[in-house]
All heavy atoms as atom14 arrays in JSON, in Angstrom:
{
  "sequence": "GFLASFMIGLLVEGKHLFMLDEMKPWYWFSGVIGVGVVVCLVQ",
  "atom14_mask": [
    [1, 1, 1, 1, 0, 0, 0, 0, 0, 0, 0, 0, 0, 0],
    [1, 1, 1, 1, 1, 1, 1, 1, 1, 1, 1, 0, 0, 0],
    [1, 1, 1, 1, 1, 1, 1, 1, 0, 0, 0, 0, 0, 0],
    [1, 1, 1, 1, 1, 0, 0, 0, 0, 0, 0, 0, 0, 0],
    [1, 1, 1, 1, 1, 1, 0, 0, 0, 0, 0, 0, 0, 0],
    [1, 1, 1, 1, 1, 1, 1, 1, 1, 1, 1, 0, 0, 0],
    [1, 1, 1, 1, 1, 1, 1, 1, 0, 0, 0, 0, 0, 0],
    [1, 1, 1, 1, 1, 1, 1, 1, 0, 0, 0, 0, 0, 0],
    [1, 1, 1, 1, 0, 0, 0, 0, 0, 0, 0, 0, 0, 0],
    [1, 1, 1, 1, 1, 1, 1, 1, 0, 0, 0, 0, 0, 0],
    [1, 1, 1, 1, 1, 1, 1, 1, 0, 0, 0, 0, 0, 0],
    [1, 1, 1, 1, 1, 1, 1, 0, 0, 0, 0, 0, 0, 0],
    [1, 1, 1, 1, 1, 1, 1, 1, 1, 0, 0, 0, 0, 0],
    [1, 1, 1, 1, 0, 0, 0, 0, 0, 0, 0, 0, 0, 0],
    [1, 1, 1, 1, 1, 1, 1, 1, 1, 0, 0, 0, 0, 0],
    [1, 1, 1, 1, 1, 1, 1, 1, 1, 1, 0, 0, 0, 0],
    [1, 1, 1, 1, 1, 1, 1, 1, 0, 0, 0, 0, 0, 0],
    [1, 1, 1, 1, 1, 1, 1, 1, 1, 1, 1, 0, 0, 0],
    [1, 1, 1, 1, 1, 1, 1, 1, 0, 0, 0, 0, 0, 0],
    [1, 1, 1, 1, 1, 1, 1, 1, 0, 0, 0, 0, 0, 0],
    [1, 1, 1, 1, 1, 1, 1, 1, 0, 0, 0, 0, 0, 0],
    [1, 1, 1, 1, 1, 1, 1, 1, 1, 0, 0, 0, 0, 0],
    [1, 1, 1, 1, 1, 1, 1, 1, 0, 0, 0, 0, 0, 0],
    [1, 1, 1, 1, 1, 1, 1, 1, 1, 0, 0, 0, 0, 0],
    [1, 1, 1, 1, 1, 1, 1, 0, 0, 0, 0, 0, 0, 0],
    [1, 1, 1, 1, 1, 1, 1, 1, 1, 1, 1, 1, 1, 1],
    [1, 1, 1, 1, 1, 1, 1, 1, 1, 1, 1, 1, 0, 0],
    [1, 1, 1, 1, 1, 1, 1, 1, 1, 1, 1, 1, 1, 1],
    [1, 1, 1, 1, 1, 1, 1, 1, 1, 1, 1, 0, 0, 0],
    [1, 1, 1, 1, 1, 1, 0, 0, 0, 0, 0, 0, 0, 0],
    [1, 1, 1, 1, 0, 0, 0, 0, 0, 0, 0, 0, 0, 0],
    [1, 1, 1, 1, 1, 1, 1, 0, 0, 0, 0, 0, 0, 0],
    [1, 1, 1, 1, 1, 1, 1, 1, 0, 0, 0, 0, 0, 0],
    [1, 1, 1, 1, 0, 0, 0, 0, 0, 0, 0, 0, 0, 0],
    [1, 1, 1, 1, 1, 1, 1, 0, 0, 0, 0, 0, 0, 0],
    [1, 1, 1, 1, 0, 0, 0, 0, 0, 0, 0, 0, 0, 0],
    [1, 1, 1, 1, 1, 1, 1, 0, 0, 0, 0, 0, 0, 0],
    [1, 1, 1, 1, 1, 1, 1, 0, 0, 0, 0, 0, 0, 0],
    [1, 1, 1, 1, 1, 1, 1, 0, 0, 0, 0, 0, 0, 0],
    [1, 1, 1, 1, 1, 1, 0, 0, 0, 0, 0, 0, 0, 0],
    [1, 1, 1, 1, 1, 1, 1, 1, 0, 0, 0, 0, 0, 0],
    [1, 1, 1, 1, 1, 1, 1, 0, 0, 0, 0, 0, 0, 0],
    [1, 1, 1, 1, 1, 1, 1, 1, 1, 0, 0, 0, 0, 0]
  ],
  "atom14_positions": [
    [[97.33, 93.37, 101.59], [98.61, 92.98, 102.11], [98.51, 92.68, 103.6], [99.06, 91.69, 104.06], [0.0, 0.0, 0.0], [0.0, 0.0, 0.0], [0.0, 0.0, 0.0], [0.0, 0.0, 0.0], [0.0, 0.0, 0.0], [0.0, 0.0, 0.0], [0.0, 0.0, 0.0], [0.0, 0.0, 0.0], [0.0, 0.0, 0.0], [0.0, 0.0, 0.0]],
    [[97.71, 93.54, 104.31], [97.42, 93.15, 105.71], [96.73, 91.81, 105.9], [97.13, 91.03, 106.74], [96.63, 94.29, 106.35], [96.09, 93.89, 107.68], [96.88, 93.86, 108.8], [94.72, 93.51, 107.85], [96.34, 93.55, 110.06], [94.17, 93.13, 109.05], [95.0, 93.11, 110.15], [0.0, 0.0, 0.0], [0.0, 0.0, 0.0], [0.0, 0.0, 0.0]],
    [[95.69, 91.64, 105.11], [94.98, 90.44, 105.17], [95.86, 89.19, 104.96], [95.75, 88.21, 105.6], [93.76, 90.4, 104.32], [92.59, 91.34, 104.7], [91.48, 91.34, 103.67], [92.05, 90.8, 106.02], [0.0, 0.0, 0.0], [0.0, 0.0, 0.0], [0.0, 0.0, 0.0], [0.0, 0.0, 0.0], [0.0, 0.0, 0.0], [0.0, 0.0, 0.0]],
    [[96.56, 89.3, 103.84], [97.49, 88.2, 103.43], [98.58, 87.9, 104.5], [98.72, 86.72, 104.93], [98.07, 88.48, 102.08], [0.0, 0.0, 0.0], [0.0, 0.0, 0.0], [0.0, 0.0, 0.0], [0.0, 0.0, 0.0], [0.0, 0.0, 0.0], [0.0, 0.0, 0.0], [0.0, 0.0, 0.0], [0.0, 0.0, 0.0], [0.0, 0.0, 0.0]],
    [[99.19, 88.97, 105.01], [100.23, 88.85, 106.06], [99.63, 88.29, 107.29], [100.16, 87.38, 107.91], [100.8, 90.2, 106.41], [101.45, 90.73, 105.29], [0.0, 0.0, 0.0], [0.0, 0.0, 0.0], [0.0, 0.0, 0.0], [0.0, 0.0, 0.0], [0.0, 0.0, 0.0], [0.0, 0.0, 0.0], [0.0, 0.0, 0.0], [0.0, 0.0, 0.0]],
    [[98.36, 88.71, 107.68], [97.77, 88.28, 108.94], [97.41, 86.77, 108.8], [97.76, 85.99, 109.69], [96.56, 89.08, 109.23], [95.97, 88.84, 110.51], [96.6, 89.3, 111.66], [94.75, 88.15, 110.62], [96.04, 89.04, 112.93], [94.14, 88.0, 111.89], [94.76, 88.44, 112.97], [0.0, 0.0, 0.0], [0.0, 0.0, 0.0], [0.0, 0.0, 0.0]],
    [[96.85, 86.42, 107.7], [96.51, 84.95, 107.55], [97.71, 84.12, 107.48], [97.64, 83.03, 108.14], [95.65, 84.79, 106.21], [94.44, 85.75, 106.18], [93.0, 85.02, 106.94], [92.36, 84.11, 105.52], [0.0, 0.0, 0.0], [0.0, 0.0, 0.0], [0.0, 0.0, 0.0], [0.0, 0.0, 0.0], [0.0, 0.0, 0.0], [0.0, 0.0, 0.0]],
    [[98.73, 84.48, 106.74], [99.9, 83.63, 106.71], [100.56, 83.65, 108.07], [101.11, 82.54, 108.41], [100.81, 84.13, 105.52], [100.18, 83.9, 104.17], [102.19, 83.44, 105.54], [100.89, 84.63, 102.97], [0.0, 0.0, 0.0], [0.0, 0.0, 0.0], [0.0, 0.0, 0.0], [0.0, 0.0, 0.0], [0.0, 0.0, 0.0], [0.0, 0.0, 0.0]],
    [[100.73, 84.7, 108.64], [101.22, 84.79, 110.0], [100.63, 83.92, 111.03], [101.23, 83.17, 111.76], [0.0, 0.0, 0.0], [0.0, 0.0, 0.0], [0.0, 0.0, 0.0], [0.0, 0.0, 0.0], [0.0, 0.0, 0.0], [0.0, 0.0, 0.0], [0.0, 0.0, 0.0], [0.0, 0.0, 0.0], [0.0, 0.0, 0.0], [0.0, 0.0, 0.0]],
    [[99.29, 83.91, 110.94], [98.58, 82.98, 111.81], [98.9, 81.54, 111.44], [98.99, 80.7, 112.44], [97.09, 83.18, 111.81], [96.49, 84.39, 112.46], [94.99, 84.61, 112.16], [96.81, 84.35, 114.0], [0.0, 0.0, 0.0], [0.0, 0.0, 0.0], [0.0, 0.0, 0.0], [0.0, 0.0, 0.0], [0.0, 0.0, 0.0], [0.0, 0.0, 0.0]],
    [[98.97, 81.2, 110.23], [99.24, 79.82, 109.83], [100.63, 79.36, 110.25], [100.84, 78.25, 110.76], [99.05, 79.59, 108.33], [97.67, 79.57, 107.82], [97.63, 79.6, 106.3], [96.89, 78.38, 108.36], [0.0, 0.0, 0.0], [0.0, 0.0, 0.0], [0.0, 0.0, 0.0], [0.0, 0.0, 0.0], [0.0, 0.0, 0.0], [0.0, 0.0, 0.0]],
    [[101.57, 80.31, 110.03], [102.97, 79.92, 110.27], [103.38, 80.05, 111.82], [104.05, 79.22, 112.29], [103.87, 80.88, 109.4], [105.32, 80.63, 109.77], [103.68, 80.53, 107.92], [0.0, 0.0, 0.0], [0.0, 0.0, 0.0], [0.0, 0.0, 0.0], [0.0, 0.0, 0.0], [0.0, 0.0, 0.0], [0.0, 0.0, 0.0], [0.0, 0.0, 0.0]],
    [[102.98, 81.25, 112.37], [103.43, 81.43, 113.73], [102.41, 81.14, 114.9], [102.68, 81.12, 115.99], [103.94, 82.89, 113.88], [105.14, 83.12, 112.9], [105.67, 84.48, 113.13], [105.44, 85.07, 114.27], [106.41, 85.0, 112.31], [0.0, 0.0, 0.0], [0.0, 0.0, 0.0], [0.0, 0.0, 0.0], [0.0, 0.0, 0.0], [0.0, 0.0, 0.0]],
    [[101.14, 81.08, 114.49], [100.06, 80.84, 115.43], [99.99, 81.99, 116.35], [100.08, 83.15, 116.09], [0.0, 0.0, 0.0], [0.0, 0.0, 0.0], [0.0, 0.0, 0.0], [0.0, 0.0, 0.0], [0.0, 0.0, 0.0], [0.0, 0.0, 0.0], [0.0, 0.0, 0.0], [0.0, 0.0, 0.0], [0.0, 0.0, 0.0], [0.0, 0.0, 0.0]],
    [[99.76, 81.62, 117.74], [99.61, 82.7, 118.67], [100.93, 83.48, 118.91], [100.91, 84.64, 119.5], [99.04, 82.19, 120.03], [100.02, 81.14, 120.71], [99.4, 80.59, 121.97], [100.34, 79.58, 122.64], [99.76, 78.97, 123.68], [0.0, 0.0, 0.0], [0.0, 0.0, 0.0], [0.0, 0.0, 0.0], [0.0, 0.0, 0.0], [0.0, 0.0, 0.0]],
    [[102.03, 82.99, 118.52], [103.32, 83.73, 118.65], [103.38, 84.99, 117.87], [104.22, 85.85, 117.98], [104.55, 82.8, 118.31], [104.65, 81.67, 119.34], [105.1, 81.91, 120.57], [104.39, 80.39, 119.16], [105.08, 80.58, 121.13], [104.69, 79.74, 120.31], [0.0, 0.0, 0.0], [0.0, 0.0, 0.0], [0.0, 0.0, 0.0], [0.0, 0.0, 0.0]],
    [[102.49, 85.1, 116.89], [102.37, 86.21, 115.95], [102.14, 87.46, 116.77], [102.55, 88.62, 116.42], [101.26, 86.06, 114.96], [100.95, 87.19, 114.0], [102.1, 87.34, 113.07], [99.64, 86.83, 113.23], [0.0, 0.0, 0.0], [0.0, 0.0, 0.0], [0.0, 0.0, 0.0], [0.0, 0.0, 0.0], [0.0, 0.0, 0.0], [0.0, 0.0, 0.0]],
    [[101.53, 87.41, 117.95], [101.09, 88.53, 118.73], [102.13, 88.84, 119.82], [101.93, 89.78, 120.6], [99.73, 88.4, 119.35], [98.66, 88.08, 118.29], [98.24, 86.85, 118.0], [98.26, 89.17, 117.53], [97.26, 86.57, 117.04], [97.24, 88.99, 116.49], [96.79, 87.63, 116.27], [0.0, 0.0, 0.0], [0.0, 0.0, 0.0], [0.0, 0.0, 0.0]],
    [[103.26, 88.16, 119.95], [104.27, 88.35, 120.86], [105.22, 89.49, 120.41], [105.98, 89.31, 119.54], [105.0, 87.11, 121.14], [104.16, 86.0, 121.68], [104.66, 85.37, 123.08], [103.42, 84.13, 123.46], [0.0, 0.0, 0.0], [0.0, 0.0, 0.0], [0.0, 0.0, 0.0], [0.0, 0.0, 0.0], [0.0, 0.0, 0.0], [0.0, 0.0, 0.0]],
    [[105.05, 90.69, 120.95], [105.77, 91.8, 120.41], [106.65, 92.47, 121.5], [106.67, 93.59, 121.79], [104.83, 92.95, 119.87], [103.9, 92.47, 118.79], [102.9, 93.53, 118.51], [104.74, 92.06, 117.59], [0.0, 0.0, 0.0], [0.0, 0.0, 0.0], [0.0, 0.0, 0.0], [0.0, 0.0, 0.0], [0.0, 0.0, 0.0], [0.0, 0.0, 0.0]],
    [[107.35, 91.58, 122.25], [108.16, 91.85, 123.35], [109.22, 92.97, 122.94], [109.97, 92.81, 121.91], [108.93, 90.76, 124.0], [107.91, 89.71, 124.47], [106.82, 90.07, 124.82], [108.32, 88.53, 124.58], [0.0, 0.0, 0.0], [0.0, 0.0, 0.0], [0.0, 0.0, 0.0], [0.0, 0.0, 0.0], [0.0, 0.0, 0.0], [0.0, 0.0, 0.0]],
    [[109.45, 93.96, 123.81], [110.5, 94.91, 123.67], [110.51, 95.66, 122.23], [111.55, 96.01, 121.86], [111.79, 94.39, 123.97], [111.93, 93.79, 125.38], [113.27, 93.19, 125.72], [114.24, 93.68, 125.2], [113.27, 92.18, 126.51], [0.0, 0.0, 0.0], [0.0, 0.0, 0.0], [0.0, 0.0, 0.0], [0.0, 0.0, 0.0], [0.0, 0.0, 0.0]],
    [[109.36, 95.83, 121.68], [109.32, 96.53, 120.37], [109.23, 98.12, 120.76], [108.4, 98.46, 121.54], [108.15, 96.14, 119.6], [108.22, 96.66, 118.11], [107.22, 95.68, 116.99], [105.89, 96.89, 116.79], [0.0, 0.0, 0.0], [0.0, 0.0, 0.0], [0.0, 0.0, 0.0], [0.0, 0.0, 0.0], [0.0, 0.0, 0.0], [0.0, 0.0, 0.0]],
    [[110.0, 98.79, 120.09], [110.06, 100.27, 120.31], [108.75, 100.87, 119.64], [108.36, 100.43, 118.56], [111.28, 100.92, 119.63], [112.56, 100.26, 120.29], [113.67, 101.32, 120.21], [114.96, 100.57, 120.5], [115.31, 100.57, 121.88], [0.0, 0.0, 0.0], [0.0, 0.0, 0.0], [0.0, 0.0, 0.0], [0.0, 0.0, 0.0], [0.0, 0.0, 0.0]],
    [[108.23, 101.8, 120.31], [106.88, 102.3, 119.77], [106.85, 102.86, 118.39], [105.92, 102.75, 117.7], [106.5, 103.47, 120.84], [107.31, 103.12, 122.06], [108.53, 102.34, 121.6], [0.0, 0.0, 0.0], [0.0, 0.0, 0.0], [0.0, 0.0, 0.0], [0.0, 0.0, 0.0], [0.0, 0.0, 0.0], [0.0, 0.0, 0.0], [0.0, 0.0, 0.0]],
    [[107.96, 103.56, 118.04], [108.03, 104.21, 116.65], [108.03, 103.09, 115.56], [107.73, 103.52, 114.45], [109.11, 105.16, 116.56], [110.52, 104.61, 116.82], [111.24, 104.05, 115.95], [111.24, 104.77, 117.97], [112.57, 103.71, 116.46], [112.51, 104.19, 117.81], [111.06, 105.36, 119.28], [113.5, 104.1, 118.82], [111.99, 105.22, 120.21], [113.2, 104.68, 119.96]],
    [[108.37, 101.94, 115.84], [108.39, 100.86, 114.83], [106.96, 100.57, 114.29], [106.75, 100.03, 113.32], [109.06, 99.58, 115.25], [110.62, 99.74, 115.6], [111.14, 98.87, 116.45], [111.31, 100.69, 115.01], [112.52, 98.93, 116.68], [112.6, 100.83, 115.18], [113.13, 99.94, 116.1], [114.61, 100.07, 116.34], [0.0, 0.0, 0.0], [0.0, 0.0, 0.0]],
    [[105.93, 100.92, 115.2], [104.63, 100.7, 114.77], [104.22, 101.51, 113.54], [103.18, 101.31, 112.95], [103.68, 101.02, 115.94], [103.77, 99.95, 116.99], [104.64, 99.91, 118.1], [102.88, 98.88, 117.2], [104.5, 98.82, 118.83], [103.38, 98.13, 118.31], [101.79, 98.39, 116.53], [102.77, 97.02, 118.85], [101.18, 97.19, 116.98], [101.67, 96.44, 118.13]],
    [[104.87, 102.67, 113.25], [104.56, 103.62, 112.22], [105.03, 103.16, 110.85], [104.93, 103.81, 109.87], [105.23, 105.01, 112.59], [104.47, 105.6, 113.58], [104.96, 105.63, 114.96], [103.15, 106.17, 113.46], [104.31, 106.24, 115.93], [102.55, 106.72, 114.56], [103.01, 106.82, 115.81], [0.0, 0.0, 0.0], [0.0, 0.0, 0.0], [0.0, 0.0, 0.0]],
    [[105.56, 101.87, 110.73], [106.04, 101.34, 109.5], [104.93, 101.22, 108.43], [105.19, 101.57, 107.29], [106.61, 100.0, 109.68], [106.88, 99.31, 108.51], [0.0, 0.0, 0.0], [0.0, 0.0, 0.0], [0.0, 0.0, 0.0], [0.0, 0.0, 0.0], [0.0, 0.0, 0.0], [0.0, 0.0, 0.0], [0.0, 0.0, 0.0], [0.0, 0.0, 0.0]],
    [[103.63, 100.94, 108.92], [102.58, 100.88, 108.03], [102.24, 102.22, 107.48], [101.77, 102.34, 106.32], [0.0, 0.0, 0.0], [0.0, 0.0, 0.0], [0.0, 0.0, 0.0], [0.0, 0.0, 0.0], [0.0, 0.0, 0.0], [0.0, 0.0, 0.0], [0.0, 0.0, 0.0], [0.0, 0.0, 0.0], [0.0, 0.0, 0.0], [0.0, 0.0, 0.0]],
    [[102.4, 103.32, 108.28], [102.04, 104.63, 107.81], [103.12, 104.96, 106.8], [102.77, 105.69, 105.76], [102.18, 105.65, 109.0], [101.96, 107.05, 108.46], [101.15, 105.36, 110.05], [0.0, 0.0, 0.0], [0.0, 0.0, 0.0], [0.0, 0.0, 0.0], [0.0, 0.0, 0.0], [0.0, 0.0, 0.0], [0.0, 0.0, 0.0], [0.0, 0.0, 0.0]],
    [[104.35, 104.59, 106.97], [105.35, 104.74, 105.95], [104.98, 104.11, 104.6], [105.22, 104.62, 103.49], [106.74, 104.37, 106.46], [107.21, 105.26, 107.61], [107.84, 104.35, 105.33], [108.48, 104.78, 108.33], [0.0, 0.0, 0.0], [0.0, 0.0, 0.0], [0.0, 0.0, 0.0], [0.0, 0.0, 0.0], [0.0, 0.0, 0.0], [0.0, 0.0, 0.0]],
    [[104.43, 102.89, 104.76], [103.93, 102.11, 103.6], [102.96, 102.95, 102.84], [102.97, 102.83, 101.58], [0.0, 0.0, 0.0], [0.0, 0.0, 0.0], [0.0, 0.0, 0.0], [0.0, 0.0, 0.0], [0.0, 0.0, 0.0], [0.0, 0.0, 0.0], [0.0, 0.0, 0.0], [0.0, 0.0, 0.0], [0.0, 0.0, 0.0], [0.0, 0.0, 0.0]],
    [[102.08, 103.72, 103.4], [101.16, 104.5, 102.64], [101.89, 105.47, 101.77], [101.68, 105.71, 100.62], [100.22, 105.3, 103.6], [99.39, 106.3, 102.88], [99.35, 104.36, 104.43], [0.0, 0.0, 0.0], [0.0, 0.0, 0.0], [0.0, 0.0, 0.0], [0.0, 0.0, 0.0], [0.0, 0.0, 0.0], [0.0, 0.0, 0.0], [0.0, 0.0, 0.0]],
    [[102.95, 106.14, 102.39], [103.76, 107.05, 101.59], [104.44, 106.37, 100.36], [104.51, 106.88, 99.31], [0.0, 0.0, 0.0], [0.0, 0.0, 0.0], [0.0, 0.0, 0.0], [0.0, 0.0, 0.0], [0.0, 0.0, 0.0], [0.0, 0.0, 0.0], [0.0, 0.0, 0.0], [0.0, 0.0, 0.0], [0.0, 0.0, 0.0], [0.0, 0.0, 0.0]],
    [[104.94, 105.16, 100.67], [105.64, 104.36, 99.64], [104.7, 104.13, 98.48], [105.05, 104.42, 97.32], [106.16, 103.09, 100.18], [106.71, 102.05, 99.04], [107.34, 103.25, 101.17], [0.0, 0.0, 0.0], [0.0, 0.0, 0.0], [0.0, 0.0, 0.0], [0.0, 0.0, 0.0], [0.0, 0.0, 0.0], [0.0, 0.0, 0.0], [0.0, 0.0, 0.0]],
    [[103.5, 103.65, 98.71], [102.54, 103.28, 97.67], [102.1, 104.52, 96.87], [102.18, 104.46, 95.65], [101.35, 102.47, 98.23], [100.31, 102.29, 97.09], [101.84, 101.14, 98.76], [0.0, 0.0, 0.0], [0.0, 0.0, 0.0], [0.0, 0.0, 0.0], [0.0, 0.0, 0.0], [0.0, 0.0, 0.0], [0.0, 0.0, 0.0], [0.0, 0.0, 0.0]],
    [[101.8, 105.5, 97.67], [101.27, 106.78, 96.95], [102.41, 107.36, 96.1], [102.17, 107.69, 94.91], [100.77, 107.78, 98.02], [100.55, 109.15, 97.4], [99.42, 107.31, 98.67], [0.0, 0.0, 0.0], [0.0, 0.0, 0.0], [0.0, 0.0, 0.0], [0.0, 0.0, 0.0], [0.0, 0.0, 0.0], [0.0, 0.0, 0.0], [0.0, 0.0, 0.0]],
    [[103.58, 107.53, 96.71], [104.71, 108.11, 95.9], [105.13, 107.16, 94.75], [105.32, 107.85, 93.64], [105.96, 108.27, 96.79], [105.7, 109.64, 98.01], [0.0, 0.0, 0.0], [0.0, 0.0, 0.0], [0.0, 0.0, 0.0], [0.0, 0.0, 0.0], [0.0, 0.0, 0.0], [0.0, 0.0, 0.0], [0.0, 0.0, 0.0], [0.0, 0.0, 0.0]],
    [[105.1, 105.83, 94.85], [105.39, 104.99, 93.65], [104.37, 105.11, 92.55], [104.75, 105.27, 91.43], [105.52, 103.59, 94.11], [106.85, 103.17, 94.6], [106.8, 101.75, 95.33], [107.87, 103.07, 93.45], [0.0, 0.0, 0.0], [0.0, 0.0, 0.0], [0.0, 0.0, 0.0], [0.0, 0.0, 0.0], [0.0, 0.0, 0.0], [0.0, 0.0, 0.0]],
    [[103.12, 105.09, 92.96], [102.07, 105.12, 92.0], [102.19, 106.48, 91.22], [102.06, 106.49, 89.96], [100.67, 104.94, 92.6], [99.56, 105.38, 91.7], [100.51, 103.5, 93.11], [0.0, 0.0, 0.0], [0.0, 0.0, 0.0], [0.0, 0.0, 0.0], [0.0, 0.0, 0.0], [0.0, 0.0, 0.0], [0.0, 0.0, 0.0], [0.0, 0.0, 0.0]],
    [[102.3, 107.55, 91.94], [102.33, 108.85, 91.23], [103.61, 109.0, 90.46], [103.58, 109.54, 89.36], [102.29, 110.0, 92.32], [100.9, 110.13, 92.99], [99.89, 110.39, 91.95], [100.08, 111.21, 91.03], [98.75, 109.59, 92.01], [0.0, 0.0, 0.0], [0.0, 0.0, 0.0], [0.0, 0.0, 0.0], [0.0, 0.0, 0.0], [0.0, 0.0, 0.0]]
  ]
}
């Protein structure tokens, strides 16, 4: 999912993909929550 998102993001947004102005630090933990989502769903 990361690879697909990254590649599509680069194609669609280019260098703007990396502009993360004013993003709250705890939003970065979304990927960690994704681990819980996948593990809990599979189980």
